[in-house]
């Protein structure tokens, strides 16, 4: 429930992202992918799902417009999906 900006300081990161309705209907609102490299910026709007995957050792800066929200994990490679 916050807008977030990511800045890649170093490395290479794959971002998989969708629109706010992608989780409801991924055929009508398909997922997109983009590879970010050092110097790239990526914006995620509130309520839009996304996943970050480092393709190599990477350092990123995240800036959000709210700091009181806890992330909602749908799934990840470490078994940390939320029960919500």
C-alpha atoms as a PDB file:
ATOM      1  CA  UNK A   1       0.000   0.000   0.000  1.00  0.00           C
ATOM      2  CA  UNK A   2       2.835   2.377  -0.839  1.00  0.00           C
ATOM      3  CA  UNK A   3       4.633   3.712  -3.871  1.00  0.00           C
ATOM      4  CA  UNK A   4       8.226   2.505  -4.054  1.00  0.00           C
ATOM      5  CA  UNK A   5      11.256   3.510  -6.097  1.00  0.00           C
ATOM      6  CA  UNK A   6      14.268   1.258  -6.575  1.00  0.00           C
ATOM      7  CA  UNK A   7      17.690   2.488  -7.677  1.00  0.00           C
ATOM      8  CA  UNK A   8      20.316  -0.071  -8.707  1.00  0.00           C
ATOM      9  CA  UNK A   9      23.743   0.918  -7.404  1.00  0.00           C
ATOM     10  CA  UNK A  10      25.470  -2.155  -8.820  1.00  0.00           C
ATOM     11  CA  UNK A  11      24.703  -5.528 -10.346  1.00  0.00           C
ATOM     12  CA  UNK A  12      21.816  -6.803 -12.407  1.00  0.00           C
ATOM     13  CA  UNK A  13      18.256  -7.461 -11.173  1.00  0.00           C
ATOM     14  CA  UNK A  14      15.230  -9.033 -12.877  1.00  0.00           C
ATOM     15  CA  UNK A  15      11.949  -7.331 -11.955  1.00  0.00           C
ATOM     16  CA  UNK A  16       8.683  -9.166 -12.604  1.00  0.00           C
ATOM     17  CA  UNK A  17       5.732  -6.819 -12.137  1.00  0.00           C
ATOM     18  CA  UNK A  18       2.037  -6.412 -12.808  1.00  0.00           C
ATOM     19  CA  UNK A  19      -0.828  -3.994 -12.519  1.00  0.00           C
ATOM     20  CA  UNK A  20      -3.159  -3.814  -9.523  1.00  0.00           C
ATOM     21  CA  UNK A  21      -5.522  -6.273 -11.282  1.00  0.00           C
ATOM     22  CA  UNK A  22      -2.854  -8.750 -12.458  1.00  0.00           C
ATOM     23  CA  UNK A  23      -3.442 -11.115  -9.523  1.00  0.00           C
ATOM     24  CA  UNK A  24      -7.176 -11.214 -10.330  1.00  0.00           C
ATOM     25  CA  UNK A  25      -6.822 -11.777 -14.089  1.00  0.00           C
ATOM     26  CA  UNK A  26      -3.305 -12.335 -15.440  1.00  0.00           C
ATOM     27  CA  UNK A  27      -4.597 -13.042 -18.968  1.00  0.00           C
ATOM     28  CA  UNK A  28      -6.199  -9.612 -19.281  1.00  0.00           C
ATOM     29  CA  UNK A  29      -3.495  -7.868 -17.188  1.00  0.00           C
ATOM     30  CA  UNK A  30      -0.313  -9.869 -17.901  1.00  0.00           C
ATOM     31  CA  UNK A  31       2.947  -9.873 -15.979  1.00  0.00           C
ATOM     32  CA  UNK A  32       5.906  -7.942 -17.429  1.00  0.00           C
ATOM     33  CA  UNK A  33       9.639  -8.356 -16.901  1.00  0.00           C
ATOM     34  CA  UNK A  34      12.535  -5.934 -17.041  1.00  0.00           C
ATOM     35  CA  UNK A  35      16.245  -6.342 -16.354  1.00  0.00           C
ATOM     36  CA  UNK A  36      17.740  -3.494 -14.333  1.00  0.00           C
ATOM     37  CA  UNK A  37      21.451  -2.630 -14.308  1.00  0.00           C
ATOM     38  CA  UNK A  38      23.562  -0.152 -12.359  1.00  0.00           C
ATOM     39  CA  UNK A  39      22.069   3.337 -12.657  1.00  0.00           C
ATOM     40  CA  UNK A  40      18.540   2.141 -13.522  1.00  0.00           C
ATOM     41  CA  UNK A  41      15.475   3.285 -11.573  1.00  0.00           C
ATOM     42  CA  UNK A  42      12.196   1.388 -11.273  1.00  0.00           C
ATOM     43  CA  UNK A  43       8.890   2.649  -9.796  1.00  0.00           C
ATOM     44  CA  UNK A  44       6.223   0.377  -8.308  1.00  0.00           C
ATOM     45  CA  UNK A  45       2.862   2.004  -7.702  1.00  0.00           C
ATOM     46  CA  UNK A  46       0.739   1.167  -4.675  1.00  0.00           C
ATOM     47  CA  UNK A  47      -1.160  -2.159  -4.893  1.00  0.00           C
ATOM     48  CA  UNK A  48       0.917  -3.430  -7.837  1.00  0.00           C
ATOM     49  CA  UNK A  49       2.593  -6.812  -7.276  1.00  0.00           C
ATOM     50  CA  UNK A  50       6.277  -7.263  -8.069  1.00  0.00           C
ATOM     51  CA  UNK A  51       9.199  -9.607  -7.532  1.00  0.00           C
ATOM     52  CA  UNK A  52      12.913  -8.799  -7.510  1.00  0.00           C
ATOM     53  CA  UNK A  53      15.495 -11.438  -8.423  1.00  0.00           C
ATOM     54  CA  UNK A  54      19.224 -10.721  -8.364  1.00  0.00           C
ATOM     55  CA  UNK A  55      20.858 -12.065 -11.527  1.00  0.00           C
ATOM     56  CA  UNK A  56      24.263 -11.300 -10.011  1.00  0.00           C
ATOM     57  CA  UNK A  57      25.556  -9.744  -6.792  1.00  0.00           C
ATOM     58  CA  UNK A  58      23.578  -6.484  -6.574  1.00  0.00           C
ATOM     59  CA  UNK A  59      23.060  -3.467  -4.352  1.00  0.00           C
ATOM     60  CA  UNK A  60      19.776  -1.526  -4.515  1.00  0.00           C
ATOM     61  CA  UNK A  61      18.291   1.448  -2.719  1.00  0.00           C
ATOM     62  CA  UNK A  62      14.562   1.388  -1.950  1.00  0.00           C
ATOM     63  CA  UNK A  63      12.627   4.584  -1.271  1.00  0.00           C
ATOM     64  CA  UNK A  64       8.954   4.416  -0.290  1.00  0.00           C
ATOM     65  CA  UNK A  65       6.389   7.035   0.581  1.00  0.00           C
ATOM     66  CA  UNK A  66       5.326   5.220   3.779  1.00  0.00           C
ATOM     67  CA  UNK A  67       7.386   3.329   6.329  1.00  0.00           C
ATOM     68  CA  UNK A  68       4.659   1.908   8.576  1.00  0.00           C
ATOM     69  CA  UNK A  69       3.447  -0.777   6.141  1.00  0.00           C
ATOM     70  CA  UNK A  70       4.558  -4.378   6.463  1.00  0.00           C
ATOM     71  CA  UNK A  71       5.195  -6.077   3.086  1.00  0.00           C
ATOM     72  CA  UNK A  72       2.686  -8.654   1.901  1.00  0.00           C
ATOM     73  CA  UNK A  73       4.574 -11.630   0.504  1.00  0.00           C
ATOM     74  CA  UNK A  74       2.683 -13.813  -1.944  1.00  0.00           C
ATOM     75  CA  UNK A  75       5.624 -16.179  -2.291  1.00  0.00           C
ATOM     76  CA  UNK A  76       9.383 -16.190  -2.270  1.00  0.00           C
ATOM     77  CA  UNK A  77      12.258 -18.635  -2.556  1.00  0.00           C
ATOM     78  CA  UNK A  78      12.657 -18.812   1.234  1.00  0.00           C
ATOM     79  CA  UNK A  79       9.142 -19.940   2.250  1.00  0.00           C
ATOM     80  CA  UNK A  80       8.133 -16.552   3.677  1.00  0.00           C
ATOM     81  CA  UNK A  81       4.698 -16.266   2.007  1.00  0.00           C
ATOM     82  CA  UNK A  82       2.128 -14.488   4.194  1.00  0.00           C
ATOM     83  CA  UNK A  83      -1.008 -16.261   5.360  1.00  0.00           C
ATOM     84  CA  UNK A  84      -3.086 -13.114   4.650  1.00  0.00           C
END
